[in-house]
Amino acid sequence: VSSGYLVVVFVYVTEFTGSKVRTWTSMHVHAAFAIGVMVVALVGYLVRVWWLYQIILTLSTSPFLLYCWTFPETPFFLMAKGRHQEMQELLNTMAQWNGLEPRLK
């Protein structure tokens, strides 16, 4: 388990989260990471063969790694790269998910 993923996920989630619930979502990101560390330790305790342990961890995390390429870029990244149309579409989608009307047209 690498803490590098924790930093990336933390930043990604906080960029998509409003300021009112940012603390709550940040705590859940860290709690999920801690649970993941405990699960990895438990699997390591139960599976004593190192290559079987590695196969189990690889097979259980592969779907999540492959799914990462379907995540949208963050609005801040799109704005920094000058991709304003894509940013507006993403913000409209985020507003719809939150039951809000898009403010910018």
PDB file of N, CA and C in Angstrom:
ATOM      1  N   VAL A   1       0.859  -1.177   0.000  1.00  0.00           N
ATOM      2  CA  VAL A   1       0.000   0.000   0.000  1.00  0.00           C
ATOM      3  C   VAL A   1       0.896   1.228   0.000  1.00  0.00           C
ATOM      4  N   SER A   2       0.642   2.106  -0.916  1.00  0.00           N
ATOM      5  CA  SER A   2       1.476   3.300  -1.033  1.00  0.00           C
ATOM      6  C   SER A   2       0.685   4.528  -0.615  1.00  0.00           C
ATOM      7  N   SER A   3       1.310   5.380   0.168  1.00  0.00           N
ATOM      8  CA  SER A   3       0.618   6.596   0.598  1.00  0.00           C
ATOM      9  C   SER A   3       0.562   7.636  -0.514  1.00  0.00           C
ATOM     10  N   GLY A   4       1.259   7.398  -1.618  1.00  0.00           N
ATOM     11  CA  GLY A   4       1.166   8.302  -2.760  1.00  0.00           C
ATOM     12  C   GLY A   4      -0.246   8.363  -3.314  1.00  0.00           C
ATOM     13  N   TYR A   5      -0.921   7.220  -3.308  1.00  0.00           N
ATOM     14  CA  TYR A   5      -2.311   7.197  -3.761  1.00  0.00           C
ATOM     15  C   TYR A   5      -3.192   8.034  -2.846  1.00  0.00           C
ATOM     16  N   LEU A   6      -2.894   8.018  -1.562  1.00  0.00           N
ATOM     17  CA  LEU A   6      -3.689   8.793  -0.614  1.00  0.00           C
ATOM     18  C   LEU A   6      -3.638  10.278  -0.953  1.00  0.00           C
ATOM     19  N   VAL A   7      -2.465  10.782  -1.259  1.00  0.00           N
ATOM     20  CA  VAL A   7      -2.320  12.201  -1.586  1.00  0.00           C
ATOM     21  C   VAL A   7      -3.088  12.536  -2.858  1.00  0.00           C
ATOM     22  N   VAL A   8      -2.956  11.701  -3.876  1.00  0.00           N
ATOM     23  CA  VAL A   8      -3.632  11.953  -5.151  1.00  0.00           C
ATOM     24  C   VAL A   8      -5.143  11.925  -4.970  1.00  0.00           C
ATOM     25  N   VAL A   9      -5.650  10.910  -4.291  1.00  0.00           N
ATOM     26  CA  VAL A   9      -7.099  10.792  -4.083  1.00  0.00           C
ATOM     27  C   VAL A   9      -7.607  11.936  -3.217  1.00  0.00           C
ATOM     28  N   PHE A  10      -6.854  12.304  -2.200  1.00  0.00           N
ATOM     29  CA  PHE A  10      -7.259  13.400  -1.324  1.00  0.00           C
ATOM     30  C   PHE A  10      -7.415  14.701  -2.113  1.00  0.00           C
ATOM     31  N   VAL A  11      -6.430  15.026  -2.926  1.00  0.00           N
ATOM     32  CA  VAL A  11      -6.495  16.253  -3.727  1.00  0.00           C
ATOM     33  C   VAL A  11      -7.642  16.173  -4.727  1.00  0.00           C
ATOM     34  N   TYR A  12      -7.787  15.025  -5.379  1.00  0.00           N
ATOM     35  CA  TYR A  12      -8.843  14.852  -6.379  1.00  0.00           C
ATOM     36  C   TYR A  12     -10.222  15.041  -5.748  1.00  0.00           C
ATOM     37  N   VAL A  13     -10.445  14.410  -4.607  1.00  0.00           N
ATOM     38  CA  VAL A  13     -11.757  14.497  -3.949  1.00  0.00           C
ATOM     39  C   VAL A  13     -12.022  15.912  -3.453  1.00  0.00           C
ATOM     40  N   THR A  14     -11.019  16.562  -2.870  1.00  0.00           N
ATOM     41  CA  THR A  14     -11.263  17.907  -2.354  1.00  0.00           C
ATOM     42  C   THR A  14     -11.496  18.921  -3.469  1.00  0.00           C
ATOM     43  N   GLU A  15     -10.951  18.688  -4.654  1.00  0.00           N
ATOM     44  CA  GLU A  15     -11.223  19.608  -5.762  1.00  0.00           C
ATOM     45  C   GLU A  15     -12.657  19.478  -6.267  1.00  0.00           C
ATOM     46  N   PHE A  16     -13.267  18.338  -6.069  1.00  0.00           N
ATOM     47  CA  PHE A  16     -14.647  18.143  -6.508  1.00  0.00           C
ATOM     48  C   PHE A  16     -15.658  18.433  -5.403  1.00  0.00           C
ATOM     49  N   THR A  17     -15.207  18.680  -4.199  1.00  0.00           N
ATOM     50  CA  THR A  17     -16.090  18.803  -3.054  1.00  0.00           C
ATOM     51  C   THR A  17     -16.253  20.261  -2.664  1.00  0.00           C
ATOM     52  N   GLY A  18     -17.463  20.618  -2.291  1.00  0.00           N
ATOM     53  CA  GLY A  18     -17.721  21.971  -1.821  1.00  0.00           C
ATOM     54  C   GLY A  18     -17.129  22.196  -0.446  1.00  0.00           C
ATOM     55  N   SER A  19     -16.962  23.460  -0.082  1.00  0.00           N
ATOM     56  CA  SER A  19     -16.298  23.789   1.180  1.00  0.00           C
ATOM     57  C   SER A  19     -17.097  23.348   2.404  1.00  0.00           C
ATOM     58  N   LYS A  20     -18.415  23.224   2.274  1.00  0.00           N
ATOM     59  CA  LYS A  20     -19.238  22.835   3.418  1.00  0.00           C
ATOM     60  C   LYS A  20     -19.005  21.391   3.848  1.00  0.00           C
ATOM     61  N   VAL A  21     -18.719  20.520   2.898  1.00  0.00           N
ATOM     62  CA  VAL A  21     -18.551  19.099   3.228  1.00  0.00           C
ATOM     63  C   VAL A  21     -17.127  18.608   2.981  1.00  0.00           C
ATOM     64  N   ARG A  22     -16.212  19.519   2.755  1.00  0.00           N
ATOM     65  CA  ARG A  22     -14.836  19.117   2.443  1.00  0.00           C
ATOM     66  C   ARG A  22     -14.182  18.376   3.609  1.00  0.00           C
ATOM     67  N   THR A  23     -14.400  18.823   4.828  1.00  0.00           N
ATOM     68  CA  THR A  23     -13.816  18.141   5.988  1.00  0.00           C
ATOM     69  C   THR A  23     -14.372  16.735   6.112  1.00  0.00           C
ATOM     70  N   TRP A  24     -15.668  16.590   5.947  1.00  0.00           N
ATOM     71  CA  TRP A  24     -16.324  15.284   6.056  1.00  0.00           C
ATOM     72  C   TRP A  24     -15.785  14.315   5.011  1.00  0.00           C
ATOM     73  N   THR A  25     -15.697  14.760   3.780  1.00  0.00           N
ATOM     74  CA  THR A  25     -15.208  13.868   2.728  1.00  0.00           C
ATOM     75  C   THR A  25     -13.727  13.566   2.905  1.00  0.00           C
ATOM     76  N   SER A  26     -12.952  14.527   3.376  1.00  0.00           N
ATOM     77  CA  SER A  26     -11.529  14.277   3.616  1.00  0.00           C
ATOM     78  C   SER A  26     -11.333  13.221   4.691  1.00  0.00           C
ATOM     79  N   MET A  27     -12.147  13.272   5.733  1.00  0.00           N
ATOM     80  CA  MET A  27     -12.052  12.256   6.786  1.00  0.00           C
ATOM     81  C   MET A  27     -12.385  10.880   6.239  1.00  0.00           C
ATOM     82  N   HIS A  28     -13.357  10.797   5.354  1.00  0.00           N
ATOM     83  CA  HIS A  28     -13.728   9.507   4.786  1.00  0.00           C
ATOM     84  C   HIS A  28     -12.656   8.966   3.843  1.00  0.00           C
ATOM     85  N   VAL A  29     -11.985   9.833   3.126  1.00  0.00           N
ATOM     86  CA  VAL A  29     -10.874   9.384   2.280  1.00  0.00           C
ATOM     87  C   VAL A  29      -9.784   8.768   3.148  1.00  0.00           C
ATOM     88  N   HIS A  30      -9.440   9.435   4.236  1.00  0.00           N
ATOM     89  CA  HIS A  30      -8.400   8.912   5.120  1.00  0.00           C
ATOM     90  C   HIS A  30      -8.858   7.643   5.834  1.00  0.00           C
ATOM     91  N   ALA A  31     -10.127   7.567   6.210  1.00  0.00           N
ATOM     92  CA  ALA A  31     -10.641   6.357   6.853  1.00  0.00           C
ATOM     93  C   ALA A  31     -10.611   5.178   5.892  1.00  0.00           C
ATOM     94  N   ALA A  32     -10.971   5.399   4.640  1.00  0.00           N
ATOM     95  CA  ALA A  32     -10.927   4.317   3.648  1.00  0.00           C
ATOM     96  C   ALA A  32      -9.493   3.847   3.435  1.00  0.00           C
ATOM     97  N   PHE A  33      -8.545   4.773   3.434  1.00  0.00           N
ATOM     98  CA  PHE A  33      -7.139   4.395   3.293  1.00  0.00           C
ATOM     99  C   PHE A  33      -6.689   3.548   4.479  1.00  0.00           C
ATOM    100  N   ALA A  34      -7.079   3.945   5.692  1.00  0.00           N
ATOM    101  CA  ALA A  34      -6.700   3.186   6.889  1.00  0.00           C
ATOM    102  C   ALA A  34      -7.302   1.785   6.868  1.00  0.00           C
ATOM    103  N   ILE A  35      -8.542   1.676   6.433  1.00  0.00           N
ATOM    104  CA  ILE A  35      -9.173   0.354   6.321  1.00  0.00           C
ATOM    105  C   ILE A  35      -8.442  -0.488   5.285  1.00  0.00           C
ATOM    106  N   GLY A  36      -8.033   0.129   4.190  1.00  0.00           N
ATOM    107  CA  GLY A  36      -7.269  -0.588   3.170  1.00  0.00           C
ATOM    108  C   GLY A  36      -5.954  -1.125   3.703  1.00  0.00           C
ATOM    109  N   VAL A  37      -5.266  -0.335   4.516  1.00  0.00           N
ATOM    110  CA  VAL A  37      -4.012  -0.793   5.118  1.00  0.00           C
ATOM    111  C   VAL A  37      -4.270  -1.993   6.026  1.00  0.00           C
ATOM    112  N   MET A  38      -5.364  -1.940   6.786  1.00  0.00           N
ATOM    113  CA  MET A  38      -5.691  -3.068   7.670  1.00  0.00           C
ATOM    114  C   MET A  38      -6.049  -4.318   6.876  1.00  0.00           C
ATOM    115  N   VAL A  39      -6.766  -4.156   5.773  1.00  0.00           N
ATOM    116  CA  VAL A  39      -7.125  -5.312   4.938  1.00  0.00           C
ATOM    117  C   VAL A  39      -5.876  -5.944   4.331  1.00  0.00           C
ATOM    118  N   VAL A  40      -4.958  -5.120   3.860  1.00  0.00           N
ATOM    119  CA  VAL A  40      -3.709  -5.643   3.295  1.00  0.00           C
ATOM    120  C   VAL A  40      -2.927  -6.406   4.360  1.00  0.00           C
ATOM    121  N   ALA A  41      -2.871  -5.870   5.573  1.00  0.00           N
ATOM    122  CA  ALA A  41      -2.174  -6.566   6.655  1.00  0.00           C
ATOM    123  C   ALA A  41      -2.864  -7.881   7.000  1.00  0.00           C
ATOM    124  N   LEU A  42      -4.187  -7.886   7.021  1.00  0.00           N
ATOM    125  CA  LEU A  42      -4.928  -9.111   7.318  1.00  0.00           C
ATOM    126  C   LEU A  42      -4.705 -10.171   6.250  1.00  0.00           C
ATOM    127  N   VAL A  43      -4.749  -9.772   4.992  1.00  0.00           N
ATOM    128  CA  VAL A  43      -4.495 -10.722   3.902  1.00  0.00           C
ATOM    129  C   VAL A  43      -3.069 -11.262   4.012  1.00  0.00           C
ATOM    130  N   GLY A  44      -2.121 -10.408   4.350  1.00  0.00           N
ATOM    131  CA  GLY A  44      -0.742 -10.855   4.534  1.00  0.00           C
ATOM    132  C   GLY A  44      -0.597 -11.840   5.674  1.00  0.00           C
ATOM    133  N   TYR A  45      -1.390 -11.653   6.714  1.00  0.00           N
ATOM    134  CA  TYR A  45      -1.358 -12.582   7.845  1.00  0.00           C
ATOM    135  C   TYR A  45      -1.978 -13.925   7.479  1.00  0.00           C
ATOM    136  N   LEU A  46      -3.064 -13.888   6.721  1.00  0.00           N
ATOM    137  CA  LEU A  46      -3.777 -15.119   6.378  1.00  0.00           C
ATOM    138  C   LEU A  46      -3.115 -15.897   5.249  1.00  0.00           C
ATOM    139  N   VAL A  47      -2.498 -15.210   4.308  1.00  0.00           N
ATOM    140  CA  VAL A  47      -1.866 -15.869   3.162  1.00  0.00           C
ATOM    141  C   VAL A  47      -0.355 -15.808   3.382  1.00  0.00           C
ATOM    142  N   ARG A  48       0.235 -16.937   3.673  1.00  0.00           N
ATOM    143  CA  ARG A  48       1.661 -16.963   4.035  1.00  0.00           C
ATOM    144  C   ARG A  48       2.594 -17.130   2.836  1.00  0.00           C
ATOM    145  N   VAL A  49       2.066 -17.456   1.672  1.00  0.00           N
ATOM    146  CA  VAL A  49       2.892 -17.635   0.482  1.00  0.00           C
ATOM    147  C   VAL A  49       2.975 -16.287  -0.231  1.00  0.00           C
ATOM    148  N   TRP A  50       4.203 -15.771  -0.400  1.00  0.00           N
ATOM    149  CA  TRP A  50       4.361 -14.405  -0.897  1.00  0.00           C
ATOM    150  C   TRP A  50       3.820 -14.213  -2.298  1.00  0.00           C
ATOM    151  N   TRP A  51       3.989 -15.172  -3.203  1.00  0.00           N
ATOM    152  CA  TRP A  51       3.534 -14.984  -4.581  1.00  0.00           C
ATOM    153  C   TRP A  51       2.012 -15.066  -4.663  1.00  0.00           C
ATOM    154  N   LEU A  52       1.390 -15.877  -3.824  1.00  0.00           N
ATOM    155  CA  LEU A  52      -0.073 -15.934  -3.781  1.00  0.00           C
ATOM    156  C   LEU A  52      -0.637 -14.631  -3.199  1.00  0.00           C
ATOM    157  N   TYR A  53       0.036 -14.130  -2.187  1.00  0.00           N
ATOM    158  CA  TYR A  53      -0.331 -12.843  -1.589  1.00  0.00           C
ATOM    159  C   TYR A  53      -0.281 -11.729  -2.642  1.00  0.00           C
ATOM    160  N   GLN A  54       0.764 -11.724  -3.434  1.00  0.00           N
ATOM    161  CA  GLN A  54       0.925 -10.709  -4.476  1.00  0.00           C
ATOM    162  C   GLN A  54      -0.150 -10.836  -5.549  1.00  0.00           C
ATOM    163  N   ILE A  55      -0.484 -12.056  -5.931  1.00  0.00           N
ATOM    164  CA  ILE A  55      -1.534 -12.277  -6.933  1.00  0.00           C
ATOM    165  C   ILE A  55      -2.884 -11.805  -6.408  1.00  0.00           C
ATOM    166  N   ILE A  56      -3.184 -12.115  -5.160  1.00  0.00           N
ATOM    167  CA  ILE A  56      -4.458 -11.697  -4.565  1.00  0.00           C
ATOM    168  C   ILE A  56      -4.562 -10.174  -4.544  1.00  0.00           C
ATOM    169  N   LEU A  57      -3.509  -9.504  -4.116  1.00  0.00           N
ATOM    170  CA  LEU A  57      -3.541  -8.036  -4.070  1.00  0.00           C
ATOM    171  C   LEU A  57      -3.625  -7.426  -5.465  1.00  0.00           C
ATOM    172  N   THR A  58      -2.927  -8.026  -6.417  1.00  0.00           N
ATOM    173  CA  THR A  58      -2.963  -7.513  -7.793  1.00  0.00           C
ATOM    174  C   THR A  58      -4.345  -7.666  -8.398  1.00  0.00           C
ATOM    175  N   LEU A  59      -4.944  -8.833  -8.222  1.00  0.00           N
ATOM    176  CA  LEU A  59      -6.275  -9.066  -8.797  1.00  0.00           C
ATOM    177  C   LEU A  59      -7.347  -8.209  -8.133  1.00  0.00           C
ATOM    178  N   SER A  60      -7.184  -7.939  -6.850  1.00  0.00           N
ATOM    179  CA  SER A  60      -8.205  -7.145  -6.164  1.00  0.00           C
ATOM    180  C   SER A  60      -8.093  -5.651  -6.468  1.00  0.00           C
ATOM    181  N   THR A  61      -6.906  -5.169  -6.831  1.00  0.00           N
ATOM    182  CA  THR A  61      -6.756  -3.739  -7.120  1.00  0.00           C
ATOM    183  C   THR A  61      -6.788  -3.399  -8.605  1.00  0.00           C
ATOM    184  N   SER A  62      -6.610  -4.366  -9.464  1.00  0.00           N
ATOM    185  CA  SER A  62      -6.578  -4.094 -10.909  1.00  0.00           C
ATOM    186  C   SER A  62      -7.831  -3.402 -11.434  1.00  0.00           C
ATOM    187  N   PRO A  63      -9.036  -3.828 -11.048  1.00  0.00           N
ATOM    188  CA  PRO A  63     -10.222  -3.123 -11.566  1.00  0.00           C
ATOM    189  C   PRO A  63     -10.233  -1.638 -11.204  1.00  0.00           C
ATOM    190  N   PHE A  64      -9.775  -1.291 -10.014  1.00  0.00           N
ATOM    191  CA  PHE A  64      -9.756   0.110  -9.602  1.00  0.00           C
ATOM    192  C   PHE A  64      -8.739   0.913 -10.405  1.00  0.00           C
ATOM    193  N   LEU A  65      -7.585   0.312 -10.675  1.00  0.00           N
ATOM    194  CA  LEU A  65      -6.568   1.008 -11.463  1.00  0.00           C
ATOM    195  C   LEU A  65      -7.027   1.218 -12.897  1.00  0.00           C
ATOM    196  N   LEU A  66      -7.708   0.241 -13.457  1.00  0.00           N
ATOM    197  CA  LEU A  66      -8.216   0.385 -14.819  1.00  0.00           C
ATOM    198  C   LEU A  66      -9.346   1.407 -14.892  1.00  0.00           C
ATOM    199  N   TYR A  67     -10.107   1.536 -13.822  1.00  0.00           N
ATOM    200  CA  TYR A  67     -11.228   2.466 -13.775  1.00  0.00           C
ATOM    201  C   TYR A  67     -10.765   3.920 -13.658  1.00  0.00           C
ATOM    202  N   CYS A  68      -9.543   4.135 -13.194  1.00  0.00           N
ATOM    203  CA  CYS A  68      -9.034   5.505 -13.010  1.00  0.00           C
ATOM    204  C   CYS A  68      -9.054   6.316 -14.294  1.00  0.00           C
ATOM    205  N   TRP A  69      -8.899   5.674 -15.432  1.00  0.00           N
ATOM    206  CA  TRP A  69      -8.861   6.401 -16.700  1.00  0.00           C
ATOM    207  C   TRP A  69     -10.234   6.917 -17.118  1.00  0.00           C
ATOM    208  N   THR A  70     -11.291   6.515 -16.433  1.00  0.00           N
ATOM    209  CA  THR A  70     -12.620   7.016 -16.763  1.00  0.00           C
ATOM    210  C   THR A  70     -12.992   8.245 -15.935  1.00  0.00           C
ATOM    211  N   PHE A  71     -12.197   8.592 -14.933  1.00  0.00           N
ATOM    212  CA  PHE A  71     -12.485   9.756 -14.102  1.00  0.00           C
ATOM    213  C   PHE A  71     -12.258  11.032 -14.901  1.00  0.00           C
ATOM    214  N   PRO A  72     -13.104  12.037 -14.705  1.00  0.00           N
ATOM    215  CA  PRO A  72     -12.884  13.300 -15.423  1.00  0.00           C
ATOM    216  C   PRO A  72     -11.731  14.091 -14.805  1.00  0.00           C
ATOM    217  N   GLU A  73     -11.174  14.978 -15.599  1.00  0.00           N
ATOM    218  CA  GLU A  73     -10.168  15.899 -15.067  1.00  0.00           C
ATOM    219  C   GLU A  73     -10.881  16.863 -14.123  1.00  0.00           C
ATOM    220  N   THR A  74     -10.150  17.462 -13.210  1.00  0.00           N
ATOM    221  CA  THR A  74     -10.769  18.401 -12.284  1.00  0.00           C
ATOM    222  C   THR A  74     -10.981  19.746 -12.975  1.00  0.00           C
ATOM    223  N   PRO A  75     -11.963  20.517 -12.505  1.00  0.00           N
ATOM    224  CA  PRO A  75     -12.196  21.836 -13.106  1.00  0.00           C
ATOM    225  C   PRO A  75     -10.966  22.748 -13.028  1.00  0.00           C
ATOM    226  N   PHE A  76     -10.228  22.669 -11.929  1.00  0.00           N
ATOM    227  CA  PHE A  76      -9.034  23.506 -11.787  1.00  0.00           C
ATOM    228  C   PHE A  76      -7.982  23.148 -12.833  1.00  0.00           C
ATOM    229  N   PHE A  77      -7.803  21.862 -13.091  1.00  0.00           N
ATOM    230  CA  PHE A  77      -6.844  21.422 -14.102  1.00  0.00           C
ATOM    231  C   PHE A  77      -7.275  21.894 -15.483  1.00  0.00           C
ATOM    232  N   LEU A  78      -8.560  21.722 -15.795  1.00  0.00           N
ATOM    233  CA  LEU A  78      -9.059  22.139 -17.106  1.00  0.00           C
ATOM    234  C   LEU A  78      -8.911  23.641 -17.309  1.00  0.00           C
ATOM    235  N   MET A  79      -9.170  24.409 -16.245  1.00  0.00           N
ATOM    236  CA  MET A  79      -9.031  25.856 -16.342  1.00  0.00           C
ATOM    237  C   MET A  79      -7.561  26.237 -16.547  1.00  0.00           C
ATOM    238  N   ALA A  80      -6.663  25.583 -15.833  1.00  0.00           N
ATOM    239  CA  ALA A  80      -5.235  25.887 -15.959  1.00  0.00           C
ATOM    240  C   ALA A  80      -4.708  25.562 -17.352  1.00  0.00           C
ATOM    241  N   LYS A  81      -5.286  24.551 -17.993  1.00  0.00           N
ATOM    242  CA  LYS A  81      -4.852  24.159 -19.330  1.00  0.00           C
ATOM    243  C   LYS A  81      -5.585  24.915 -20.436  1.00  0.00           C
ATOM    244  N   GLY A  82      -6.508  25.820 -20.065  1.00  0.00           N
ATOM    245  CA  GLY A  82      -7.226  26.607 -21.059  1.00  0.00           C
ATOM    246  C   GLY A  82      -8.345  25.854 -21.754  1.00  0.00           C
ATOM    247  N   ARG A  83      -8.788  24.763 -21.192  1.00  0.00           N
ATOM    248  CA  ARG A  83      -9.866  23.963 -21.786  1.00  0.00           C
ATOM    249  C   ARG A  83     -11.189  24.383 -21.141  1.00  0.00           C
ATOM    250  N   HIS A  84     -11.602  25.608 -21.437  1.00  0.00           N
ATOM    251  CA  HIS A  84     -12.741  26.220 -20.757  1.00  0.00           C
ATOM    252  C   HIS A  84     -14.077  25.568 -21.112  1.00  0.00           C
ATOM    253  N   GLN A  85     -14.258  25.139 -22.339  1.00  0.00           N
ATOM    254  CA  GLN A  85     -15.513  24.494 -22.738  1.00  0.00           C
ATOM    255  C   GLN A  85     -15.707  23.182 -21.970  1.00  0.00           C
ATOM    256  N   GLU A  86     -14.652  22.373 -21.880  1.00  0.00           N
ATOM    257  CA  GLU A  86     -14.739  21.116 -21.125  1.00  0.00           C
ATOM    258  C   GLU A  86     -14.997  21.392 -19.651  1.00  0.00           C
ATOM    259  N   MET A  87     -14.377  22.446 -19.125  1.00  0.00           N
ATOM    260  CA  MET A  87     -14.579  22.805 -17.730  1.00  0.00           C
ATOM    261  C   MET A  87     -16.034  23.178 -17.484  1.00  0.00           C
ATOM    262  N   GLN A  88     -16.614  23.955 -18.391  1.00  0.00           N
ATOM    263  CA  GLN A  88     -18.007  24.357 -18.228  1.00  0.00           C
ATOM    264  C   GLN A  88     -18.939  23.152 -18.272  1.00  0.00           C
ATOM    265  N   GLU A  89     -18.677  22.226 -19.183  1.00  0.00           N
ATOM    266  CA  GLU A  89     -19.498  21.014 -19.262  1.00  0.00           C
ATOM    267  C   GLU A  89     -19.392  20.197 -17.979  1.00  0.00           C
ATOM    268  N   LEU A  90     -18.192  20.096 -17.433  1.00  0.00           N
ATOM    269  CA  LEU A  90     -17.999  19.356 -16.187  1.00  0.00           C
ATOM    270  C   LEU A  90     -18.710  20.042 -15.031  1.00  0.00           C
ATOM    271  N   LEU A  91     -18.612  21.362 -14.953  1.00  0.00           N
ATOM    272  CA  LEU A  91     -19.300  22.093 -13.889  1.00  0.00           C
ATOM    273  C   LEU A  91     -20.813  21.954 -14.009  1.00  0.00           C
ATOM    274  N   ASN A  92     -21.333  21.938 -15.230  1.00  0.00           N
ATOM    275  CA  ASN A  92     -22.770  21.722 -15.428  1.00  0.00           C
ATOM    276  C   ASN A  92     -23.175  20.336 -14.943  1.00  0.00           C
ATOM    277  N   THR A  93     -22.365  19.330 -15.243  1.00  0.00           N
ATOM    278  CA  THR A  93     -22.648  17.970 -14.784  1.00  0.00           C
ATOM    279  C   THR A  93     -22.613  17.897 -13.262  1.00  0.00           C
ATOM    280  N   MET A  94     -21.621  18.545 -12.662  1.00  0.00           N
ATOM    281  CA  MET A  94     -21.532  18.557 -11.198  1.00  0.00           C
ATOM    282  C   MET A  94     -22.745  19.243 -10.585  1.00  0.00           C
ATOM    283  N   ALA A  95     -23.194  20.331 -11.199  1.00  0.00           N
ATOM    284  CA  ALA A  95     -24.370  21.040 -10.694  1.00  0.00           C
ATOM    285  C   ALA A  95     -25.610  20.159 -10.788  1.00  0.00           C
ATOM    286  N   GLN A  96     -25.766  19.427 -11.891  1.00  0.00           N
ATOM    287  CA  GLN A  96     -26.915  18.532 -12.033  1.00  0.00           C
ATOM    288  C   GLN A  96     -26.895  17.444 -10.971  1.00  0.00           C
ATOM    289  N   TRP A  97     -25.732  16.858 -10.719  1.00  0.00           N
ATOM    290  CA  TRP A  97     -25.622  15.813  -9.695  1.00  0.00           C
ATOM    291  C   TRP A  97     -26.004  16.343  -8.321  1.00  0.00           C
ATOM    292  N   ASN A  98     -25.737  17.622  -8.068  1.00  0.00           N
ATOM    293  CA  ASN A  98     -26.044  18.225  -6.776  1.00  0.00           C
ATOM    294  C   ASN A  98     -27.412  18.891  -6.744  1.00  0.00           C
ATOM    295  N   GLY A  99     -28.183  18.743  -7.823  1.00  0.00           N
ATOM    296  CA  GLY A  99     -29.526  19.302  -7.862  1.00  0.00           C
ATOM    297  C   GLY A  99     -29.549  20.816  -7.973  1.00  0.00           C
ATOM    298  N   LEU A 100     -28.540  21.393  -8.599  1.00  0.00           N
ATOM    299  CA  LEU A 100     -28.448  22.843  -8.742  1.00  0.00           C
ATOM    300  C   LEU A 100     -28.534  23.234 -10.203  1.00  0.00           C
ATOM    301  N   GLU A 101     -28.885  24.480 -10.417  1.00  0.00           N
ATOM    302  CA  GLU A 101     -28.865  25.035 -11.765  1.00  0.00           C
ATOM    303  C   GLU A 101     -27.459  25.557 -12.038  1.00  0.00           C
ATOM    304  N   PRO A 102     -26.950  25.331 -13.235  1.00  0.00           N
ATOM    305  CA  PRO A 102     -25.635  25.898 -13.563  1.00  0.00           C
ATOM    306  C   PRO A 102     -25.679  27.422 -13.503  1.00  0.00           C
ATOM    307  N   ARG A 103     -24.707  28.025 -12.832  1.00  0.00           N
ATOM    308  CA  ARG A 103     -24.691  29.482 -12.679  1.00  0.00           C
ATOM    309  C   ARG A 103     -24.133  30.179 -13.906  1.00  0.00           C
ATOM    310  N   LEU A 104     -23.156  29.564 -14.532  1.00  0.00           N
ATOM    311  CA  LEU A 104     -22.538  30.178 -15.710  1.00  0.00           C
ATOM    312  C   LEU A 104     -23.182  29.638 -16.971  1.00  0.00           C
ATOM    313  N   LYS A 105     -23.317  30.468 -17.957  1.00  0.00           N
ATOM    314  CA  LYS A 105     -23.904  30.037 -19.232  1.00  0.00           C
ATOM    315  C   LYS A 105     -22.884  30.165 -20.318  1.00  0.00           C
TER     316      LYS A 105
END
